[in-house]
PDB file of N, CA and C in Angstrom:
ATOM      1  N   GLN A   1      -0.346 -10.604  15.788  1.00  0.00           N
ATOM      2  CA  GLN A   1      -1.274  -9.631  15.530  1.00  0.00           C
ATOM      3  C   GLN A   1      -1.694  -9.166  14.436  1.00  0.00           C
ATOM      4  N   ARG A   2      -3.448  -9.075  14.945  1.00  0.00           N
ATOM      5  CA  ARG A   2      -4.064  -8.708  13.157  1.00  0.00           C
ATOM      6  C   ARG A   2      -4.223  -7.308  12.998  1.00  0.00           C
ATOM      7  N   VAL A   3      -4.091  -6.921  11.936  1.00  0.00           N
ATOM      8  CA  VAL A   3      -4.291  -5.418  11.475  1.00  0.00           C
ATOM      9  C   VAL A   3      -5.314  -5.230  10.454  1.00  0.00           C
ATOM     10  N   ALA A   4      -6.208  -4.174  10.343  1.00  0.00           N
ATOM     11  CA  ALA A   4      -7.166  -4.099   9.120  1.00  0.00           C
ATOM     12  C   ALA A   4      -6.378  -3.088   8.347  1.00  0.00           C
ATOM     13  N   ILE A   5      -6.732  -3.133   7.252  1.00  0.00           N
ATOM     14  CA  ILE A   5      -6.038  -2.426   5.930  1.00  0.00           C
ATOM     15  C   ILE A   5      -6.951  -2.005   4.982  1.00  0.00           C
ATOM     16  N   ASP A   6      -7.124  -0.870   4.880  1.00  0.00           N
ATOM     17  CA  ASP A   6      -7.901  -0.033   3.724  1.00  0.00           C
ATOM     18  C   ASP A   6      -7.416  -0.338   2.165  1.00  0.00           C
ATOM     19  N   GLY A   7      -8.014  -1.528   1.568  1.00  0.00           N
ATOM     20  CA  GLY A   7      -7.757  -1.747   0.644  1.00  0.00           C
ATOM     21  C   GLY A   7      -7.644  -1.094  -0.353  1.00  0.00           C
ATOM     22  N   TYR A   8      -8.350  -0.074  -0.284  1.00  0.00           N
ATOM     23  CA  TYR A   8      -8.832   0.905  -1.571  1.00  0.00           C
ATOM     24  C   TYR A   8      -8.027   1.806  -1.844  1.00  0.00           C
ATOM     25  N   SER A   9      -7.576   2.081   0.150  1.00  0.00           N
ATOM     26  CA  SER A   9      -6.404   3.610  -0.234  1.00  0.00           C
ATOM     27  C   SER A   9      -5.115   3.038  -0.494  1.00  0.00           C
ATOM     28  N   TRP A  10      -5.052   1.671  -0.342  1.00  0.00           N
ATOM     29  CA  TRP A  10      -3.531   1.110  -0.790  1.00  0.00           C
ATOM     30  C   TRP A  10      -3.283   0.868  -2.610  1.00  0.00           C
ATOM     31  N   LEU A  11      -4.789   0.515  -2.984  1.00  0.00           N
ATOM     32  CA  LEU A  11      -4.715   0.410  -4.312  1.00  0.00           C
ATOM     33  C   LEU A  11      -4.495   1.646  -5.018  1.00  0.00           C
ATOM     34  N   HIS A  12      -5.214   3.035  -4.310  1.00  0.00           N
ATOM     35  CA  HIS A  12      -5.057   4.368  -4.554  1.00  0.00           C
ATOM     36  C   HIS A  12      -3.625   4.560  -4.881  1.00  0.00           C
ATOM     37  N   LYS A  13      -3.424   4.191  -3.795  1.00  0.00           N
ATOM     38  CA  LYS A  13      -1.851   5.041  -3.823  1.00  0.00           C
ATOM     39  C   LYS A  13      -1.192   4.413  -4.935  1.00  0.00           C
ATOM     40  N   GLY A  14      -1.020   2.750  -4.678  1.00  0.00           N
ATOM     41  CA  GLY A  14      -0.308   2.707  -6.035  1.00  0.00           C
ATOM     42  C   GLY A  14      -0.564   2.870  -7.323  1.00  0.00           C
ATOM     43  N   ALA A  15      -1.929   2.769  -7.211  1.00  0.00           N
ATOM     44  CA  ALA A  15      -2.058   3.504  -8.972  1.00  0.00           C
ATOM     45  C   ALA A  15      -0.941   4.944  -9.134  1.00  0.00           C
ATOM     46  N   TYR A  16      -0.605   5.394  -8.412  1.00  0.00           N
ATOM     47  CA  TYR A  16      -0.124   6.353  -8.545  1.00  0.00           C
ATOM     48  C   TYR A  16       1.806   6.086  -9.182  1.00  0.00           C
ATOM     49  N   THR A  17       1.963   5.035  -8.833  1.00  0.00           N
ATOM     50  CA  THR A  17       2.973   4.349  -9.506  1.00  0.00           C
ATOM     51  C   THR A  17       3.222   4.097 -10.996  1.00  0.00           C
ATOM     52  N   CYS A  18       1.622   4.452 -11.347  1.00  0.00           N
ATOM     53  CA  CYS A  18       1.855   3.878 -13.033  1.00  0.00           C
ATOM     54  C   CYS A  18       0.405   4.933 -13.492  1.00  0.00           C
ATOM     55  N   SER A  19       0.116   5.757 -12.952  1.00  0.00           N
ATOM     56  CA  SER A  19      -0.999   6.480 -13.100  1.00  0.00           C
ATOM     57  C   SER A  19      -0.735   7.005 -15.102  1.00  0.00           C
ATOM     58  N   ALA A  20       0.162   7.193 -15.393  1.00  0.00           N
ATOM     59  CA  ALA A  20       0.243   7.628 -16.525  1.00  0.00           C
ATOM     60  C   ALA A  20      -0.012   5.963 -17.871  1.00  0.00           C
ATOM     61  N   ASP A  21       0.020   5.021 -17.559  1.00  0.00           N
ATOM     62  CA  ASP A  21      -0.437   3.757 -18.078  1.00  0.00           C
ATOM     63  C   ASP A  21      -1.411   3.346 -17.879  1.00  0.00           C
ATOM     64  N   ILE A  22      -2.291   3.676 -16.574  1.00  0.00           N
ATOM     65  CA  ILE A  22      -3.793   3.822 -16.655  1.00  0.00           C
ATOM     66  C   ILE A  22      -4.496   4.361 -17.612  1.00  0.00           C
ATOM     67  N   CYS A  23      -4.013   5.910 -17.371  1.00  0.00           N
ATOM     68  CA  CYS A  23      -4.808   6.470 -17.919  1.00  0.00           C
ATOM     69  C   CYS A  23      -4.422   7.268 -19.917  1.00  0.00           C
ATOM     70  N   MET A  24      -3.464   6.436 -20.346  1.00  0.00           N
ATOM     71  CA  MET A  24      -3.642   5.808 -21.591  1.00  0.00           C
ATOM     72  C   MET A  24      -4.160   4.182 -21.959  1.00  0.00           C
ATOM     73  N   ASN A  25      -4.740   3.915 -21.006  1.00  0.00           N
ATOM     74  CA  ASN A  25      -4.834   2.069 -21.371  1.00  0.00           C
ATOM     75  C   ASN A  25      -4.357   1.218 -21.742  1.00  0.00           C
ATOM     76  N   ARG A  26      -3.163   0.953 -21.253  1.00  0.00           N
ATOM     77  CA  ARG A  26      -1.661   0.220 -20.945  1.00  0.00           C
ATOM     78  C   ARG A  26      -1.597  -0.376 -19.896  1.00  0.00           C
ATOM     79  N   PRO A  27      -1.842  -1.783 -20.359  1.00  0.00           N
ATOM     80  CA  PRO A  27      -1.716  -2.716 -18.882  1.00  0.00           C
ATOM     81  C   PRO A  27      -0.522  -2.604 -18.616  1.00  0.00           C
ATOM     82  N   THR A  28      -0.722  -2.665 -16.881  1.00  0.00           N
ATOM     83  CA  THR A  28      -0.202  -2.692 -15.876  1.00  0.00           C
ATOM     84  C   THR A  28      -0.315  -3.251 -14.821  1.00  0.00           C
ATOM     85  N   ASP A  29       0.824  -3.912 -13.940  1.00  0.00           N
ATOM     86  CA  ASP A  29       0.430  -4.298 -12.871  1.00  0.00           C
ATOM     87  C   ASP A  29       0.974  -3.485 -11.481  1.00  0.00           C
ATOM     88  N   ALA A  30       1.634  -2.708 -11.756  1.00  0.00           N
ATOM     89  CA  ALA A  30       2.612  -2.060 -11.171  1.00  0.00           C
ATOM     90  C   ALA A  30       1.660  -1.959  -9.240  1.00  0.00           C
ATOM     91  N   PHE A  31       0.247  -1.231  -9.900  1.00  0.00           N
ATOM     92  CA  PHE A  31      -0.652  -1.243  -9.000  1.00  0.00           C
ATOM     93  C   PHE A  31      -0.894  -2.181  -7.579  1.00  0.00           C
ATOM     94  N   GLN A  32      -0.628  -3.007  -8.420  1.00  0.00           N
ATOM     95  CA  GLN A  32      -1.056  -3.940  -7.676  1.00  0.00           C
ATOM     96  C   GLN A  32       0.361  -5.546  -6.736  1.00  0.00           C
ATOM     97  N   ARG A  33       1.557  -4.951  -7.281  1.00  0.00           N
ATOM     98  CA  ARG A  33       2.294  -5.005  -7.293  1.00  0.00           C
ATOM     99  C   ARG A  33       3.043  -4.428  -5.890  1.00  0.00           C
ATOM    100  N   TYR A  34       2.574  -2.428  -5.937  1.00  0.00           N
ATOM    101  CA  TYR A  34       2.683  -2.104  -4.773  1.00  0.00           C
ATOM    102  C   TYR A  34       1.782  -2.779  -3.333  1.00  0.00           C
ATOM    103  N   PHE A  35       0.560  -2.930  -3.404  1.00  0.00           N
ATOM    104  CA  PHE A  35      -0.277  -3.330  -3.039  1.00  0.00           C
ATOM    105  C   PHE A  35       0.396  -4.272  -2.119  1.00  0.00           C
ATOM    106  N   LEU A  36       0.336  -5.607  -2.843  1.00  0.00           N
ATOM    107  CA  LEU A  36       0.978  -6.943  -2.303  1.00  0.00           C
ATOM    108  C   LEU A  36       2.437  -6.871  -1.405  1.00  0.00           C
ATOM    109  N   ARG A  37       3.359  -5.637  -2.124  1.00  0.00           N
ATOM    110  CA  ARG A  37       4.811  -5.547  -1.567  1.00  0.00           C
ATOM    111  C   ARG A  37       4.143  -5.219   0.122  1.00  0.00           C
ATOM    112  N   ARG A  38       3.284  -3.989   0.241  1.00  0.00           N
ATOM    113  CA  ARG A  38       2.740  -3.283   1.392  1.00  0.00           C
ATOM    114  C   ARG A  38       2.328  -5.092   2.154  1.00  0.00           C
ATOM    115  N   VAL A  39       1.237  -5.622   2.003  1.00  0.00           N
ATOM    116  CA  VAL A  39       1.223  -6.746   2.609  1.00  0.00           C
ATOM    117  C   VAL A  39       1.840  -7.437   2.903  1.00  0.00           C
ATOM    118  N   GLN A  40       3.088  -7.557   2.177  1.00  0.00           N
ATOM    119  CA  GLN A  40       4.198  -8.588   2.867  1.00  0.00           C
ATOM    120  C   GLN A  40       5.053  -7.874   3.500  1.00  0.00           C
ATOM    121  N   ASN A  41       4.924  -7.227   3.825  1.00  0.00           N
ATOM    122  CA  ASN A  41       6.218  -6.677   5.030  1.00  0.00           C
ATOM    123  C   ASN A  41       5.059  -6.543   6.016  1.00  0.00           C
ATOM    124  N   LEU A  42       3.991  -6.430   6.089  1.00  0.00           N
ATOM    125  CA  LEU A  42       3.288  -6.860   7.382  1.00  0.00           C
ATOM    126  C   LEU A  42       3.557  -7.938   7.668  1.00  0.00           C
ATOM    127  N   VAL A  43       3.504  -9.259   6.845  1.00  0.00           N
ATOM    128  CA  VAL A  43       3.648 -10.168   7.170  1.00  0.00           C
ATOM    129  C   VAL A  43       4.656 -10.689   7.620  1.00  0.00           C
ATOM    130  N   ASP A  44       5.958 -10.193   7.082  1.00  0.00           N
ATOM    131  CA  ASP A  44       6.933 -10.100   7.450  1.00  0.00           C
ATOM    132  C   ASP A  44       7.469  -9.744   8.981  1.00  0.00           C
ATOM    133  N   CYS A  45       6.824  -8.643   9.048  1.00  0.00           N
ATOM    134  CA  CYS A  45       6.709  -8.005  10.632  1.00  0.00           C
ATOM    135  C   CYS A  45       5.665  -8.718  11.668  1.00  0.00           C
ATOM    136  N   GLY A  46       5.036 -10.286  11.208  1.00  0.00           N
ATOM    137  CA  GLY A  46       4.750 -11.047  11.888  1.00  0.00           C
ATOM    138  C   GLY A  46       3.102 -10.763  12.351  1.00  0.00           C
ATOM    139  N   LEU A  47       2.562  -9.850  11.134  1.00  0.00           N
ATOM    140  CA  LEU A  47       1.168  -9.317  11.802  1.00  0.00           C
ATOM    141  C   LEU A  47       0.368 -10.102  10.880  1.00  0.00           C
ATOM    142  N   ILE A  48      -1.133 -10.150  11.048  1.00  0.00           N
ATOM    143  CA  ILE A  48      -1.741 -11.050  10.223  1.00  0.00           C
ATOM    144  C   ILE A  48      -2.435  -9.758   9.803  1.00  0.00           C
ATOM    145  N   PRO A  49      -2.782  -9.442   8.106  1.00  0.00           N
ATOM    146  CA  PRO A  49      -3.586  -8.355   7.718  1.00  0.00           C
ATOM    147  C   PRO A  49      -5.008  -8.790   7.261  1.00  0.00           C
ATOM    148  N   THR A  50      -5.552  -8.070   7.256  1.00  0.00           N
ATOM    149  CA  THR A  50      -7.247  -8.277   7.140  1.00  0.00           C
ATOM    150  C   THR A  50      -7.721  -7.058   6.289  1.00  0.00           C
ATOM    151  N   VAL A  51      -7.118  -7.197   5.085  1.00  0.00           N
ATOM    152  CA  VAL A  51      -8.010  -6.215   4.212  1.00  0.00           C
ATOM    153  C   VAL A  51      -9.504  -6.290   3.841  1.00  0.00           C
ATOM    154  N   VAL A  52      -9.573  -4.814   3.838  1.00  0.00           N
ATOM    155  CA  VAL A  52     -11.015  -4.395   3.775  1.00  0.00           C
ATOM    156  C   VAL A  52     -10.964  -3.327   2.957  1.00  0.00           C
ATOM    157  N   PHE A  53     -12.034  -3.916   1.824  1.00  0.00           N
ATOM    158  CA  PHE A  53     -12.860  -2.849   0.970  1.00  0.00           C
ATOM    159  C   PHE A  53     -13.783  -2.709   1.186  1.00  0.00           C
ATOM    160  N   ASP A  54     -14.098  -1.348   1.423  1.00  0.00           N
ATOM    161  CA  ASP A  54     -15.541  -0.748   1.414  1.00  0.00           C
ATOM    162  C   ASP A  54     -16.626  -1.099   0.937  1.00  0.00           C
ATOM    163  N   GLY A  55     -18.003  -0.728   1.033  1.00  0.00           N
ATOM    164  CA  GLY A  55     -19.113  -1.374   0.538  1.00  0.00           C
ATOM    165  C   GLY A  55     -19.423  -0.484  -0.763  1.00  0.00           C
ATOM    166  N   GLY A  56     -20.672   0.120  -1.055  1.00  0.00           N
ATOM    167  CA  GLY A  56     -21.278  -0.250  -2.123  1.00  0.00           C
ATOM    168  C   GLY A  56     -20.735   2.001  -1.852  1.00  0.00           C
ATOM    169  N   GLN A  57     -21.662   2.759  -2.715  1.00  0.00           N
ATOM    170  CA  GLN A  57     -21.718   4.407  -2.272  1.00  0.00           C
ATOM    171  C   GLN A  57     -22.861   4.226  -1.551  1.00  0.00           C
ATOM    172  N   LEU A  58     -22.448   5.060  -0.963  1.00  0.00           N
ATOM    173  CA  LEU A  58     -23.630   5.767   0.526  1.00  0.00           C
ATOM    174  C   LEU A  58     -24.345   6.802  -0.551  1.00  0.00           C
ATOM    175  N   PRO A  59     -25.806   6.819  -0.261  1.00  0.00           N
ATOM    176  CA  PRO A  59     -26.652   8.135  -1.146  1.00  0.00           C
ATOM    177  C   PRO A  59     -26.301   9.284  -0.407  1.00  0.00           C
ATOM    178  N   MET A  60     -25.779   9.664   0.906  1.00  0.00           N
ATOM    179  CA  MET A  60     -25.177  10.848   1.139  1.00  0.00           C
ATOM    180  C   MET A  60     -24.055  11.397   0.838  1.00  0.00           C
ATOM    181  N   LYS A  61     -23.337  10.533  -0.075  1.00  0.00           N
ATOM    182  CA  LYS A  61     -22.001  10.982  -0.747  1.00  0.00           C
ATOM    183  C   LYS A  61     -22.443  11.364  -2.364  1.00  0.00           C
ATOM    184  N   ARG A  62     -23.339  11.024  -2.816  1.00  0.00           N
ATOM    185  CA  ARG A  62     -23.744  11.249  -3.992  1.00  0.00           C
ATOM    186  C   ARG A  62     -23.448  12.530  -4.645  1.00  0.00           C
ATOM    187  N   GLU A  63     -23.429  13.348  -4.372  1.00  0.00           N
ATOM    188  CA  GLU A  63     -23.250  14.937  -4.786  1.00  0.00           C
ATOM    189  C   GLU A  63     -21.014  15.063  -4.427  1.00  0.00           C
ATOM    190  N   GLU A  64     -21.287  14.828  -3.881  1.00  0.00           N
ATOM    191  CA  GLU A  64     -19.689  14.563  -3.517  1.00  0.00           C
ATOM    192  C   GLU A  64     -18.772  13.440  -4.322  1.00  0.00           C
ATOM    193  N   ASN A  65     -19.117  12.488  -4.820  1.00  0.00           N
ATOM    194  CA  ASN A  65     -18.782  11.420  -5.598  1.00  0.00           C
ATOM    195  C   ASN A  65     -19.107  11.961  -6.986  1.00  0.00           C
ATOM    196  N   GLU A  66     -19.978  12.599  -7.748  1.00  0.00           N
ATOM    197  CA  GLU A  66     -20.368  12.959  -8.349  1.00  0.00           C
ATOM    198  C   GLU A  66     -19.511  14.642  -9.035  1.00  0.00           C
ATOM    199  N   SER A  67     -18.701  15.364  -7.693  1.00  0.00           N
ATOM    200  CA  SER A  67     -18.109  16.415  -8.264  1.00  0.00           C
ATOM    201  C   SER A  67     -16.751  15.333  -8.099  1.00  0.00           C
ATOM    202  N   ARG A  68     -16.376  14.574  -7.596  1.00  0.00           N
ATOM    203  CA  ARG A  68     -15.073  14.197  -7.670  1.00  0.00           C
ATOM    204  C   ARG A  68     -15.087  12.745  -8.777  1.00  0.00           C
ATOM    205  N   ARG A  69     -16.043  12.819 -10.278  1.00  0.00           N
ATOM    206  CA  ARG A  69     -15.918  12.260 -10.909  1.00  0.00           C
ATOM    207  C   ARG A  69     -15.759  13.136 -11.695  1.00  0.00           C
ATOM    208  N   HIS A  70     -16.233  14.866 -12.231  1.00  0.00           N
ATOM    209  CA  HIS A  70     -16.421  15.578 -12.729  1.00  0.00           C
ATOM    210  C   HIS A  70     -15.074  15.851 -12.473  1.00  0.00           C
ATOM    211  N   VAL A  71     -14.037  16.542 -11.576  1.00  0.00           N
ATOM    212  CA  VAL A  71     -13.018  17.036 -11.637  1.00  0.00           C
ATOM    213  C   VAL A  71     -11.889  15.953 -12.214  1.00  0.00           C
ATOM    214  N   ARG A  72     -12.128  14.460 -11.700  1.00  0.00           N
ATOM    215  CA  ARG A  72     -11.396  13.441 -12.305  1.00  0.00           C
ATOM    216  C   ARG A  72     -11.253  13.680 -14.042  1.00  0.00           C
ATOM    217  N   LYS A  73     -12.012  13.564 -14.475  1.00  0.00           N
ATOM    218  CA  LYS A  73     -12.472  13.675 -16.011  1.00  0.00           C
ATOM    219  C   LYS A  73     -11.475  15.135 -16.604  1.00  0.00           C
ATOM    220  N   GLN A  74     -11.926  16.145 -15.816  1.00  0.00           N
ATOM    221  CA  GLN A  74     -11.159  17.104 -16.207  1.00  0.00           C
ATOM    222  C   GLN A  74     -10.008  17.344 -16.062  1.00  0.00           C
ATOM    223  N   ASN A  75      -9.502  16.658 -14.899  1.00  0.00           N
ATOM    224  CA  ASN A  75      -7.959  16.715 -15.208  1.00  0.00           C
ATOM    225  C   ASN A  75      -7.411  15.392 -16.045  1.00  0.00           C
ATOM    226  N   LEU A  76      -8.363  14.315 -16.204  1.00  0.00           N
ATOM    227  CA  LEU A  76      -7.764  13.010 -16.950  1.00  0.00           C
ATOM    228  C   LEU A  76      -7.343  13.842 -18.701  1.00  0.00           C
ATOM    229  N   ASP A  77      -8.748  14.959 -19.088  1.00  0.00           N
ATOM    230  CA  ASP A  77      -8.653  15.485 -20.330  1.00  0.00           C
ATOM    231  C   ASP A  77      -7.407  16.663 -20.155  1.00  0.00           C
ATOM    232  N   LYS A  78      -7.489  17.662 -19.225  1.00  0.00           N
ATOM    233  CA  LYS A  78      -5.712  18.153 -19.678  1.00  0.00           C
ATOM    234  C   LYS A  78      -4.966  17.449 -19.626  1.00  0.00           C
ATOM    235  N   GLY A  79      -4.699  16.612 -18.966  1.00  0.00           N
ATOM    236  CA  GLY A  79      -3.387  15.416 -18.953  1.00  0.00           C
ATOM    237  C   GLY A  79      -2.889  15.551 -20.461  1.00  0.00           C
ATOM    238  N   MET A  80      -4.003  14.508 -20.865  1.00  0.00           N
ATOM    239  CA  MET A  80      -4.455  13.939 -21.972  1.00  0.00           C
ATOM    240  C   MET A  80      -3.961  15.011 -23.325  1.00  0.00           C
ATOM    241  N   ALA A  81      -4.261  16.229 -23.037  1.00  0.00           N
ATOM    242  CA  ALA A  81      -4.218  17.452 -23.804  1.00  0.00           C
ATOM    243  C   ALA A  81      -2.400  17.678 -24.013  1.00  0.00           C
ATOM    244  N   LEU A  82      -1.908  17.587 -22.507  1.00  0.00           N
ATOM    245  CA  LEU A  82      -0.645  17.673 -22.367  1.00  0.00           C
ATOM    246  C   LEU A  82       0.525  16.819 -23.200  1.00  0.00           C
ATOM    247  N   MET A  83      -0.175  15.515 -23.290  1.00  0.00           N
ATOM    248  CA  MET A  83       0.368  14.130 -23.738  1.00  0.00           C
ATOM    249  C   MET A  83       0.659  14.367 -25.219  1.00  0.00           C
ATOM    250  N   ARG A  84      -0.067  14.977 -25.720  1.00  0.00           N
ATOM    251  CA  ARG A  84       0.113  15.011 -27.124  1.00  0.00           C
ATOM    252  C   ARG A  84       0.876  16.119 -27.945  1.00  0.00           C
TER     253      ARG A  84
END
């Protein structure tokens, strides 16, 4: 049986495992290992994973994407201030 996976969603969830490293620009592959481990779990259960990475940004979501980008920048700046 074939299953579809939202690839960006799993990579994003994996980024939580190493968010400090990502923010500090330290090399890490923890998010990739998280992703691959989940794919392997599906294979081990006899499933055939199809990983889907959605396309480019949608013009109708431009304002939402800009808002999210702004909030991410603010949160990164707050986090970096706390790390000092």
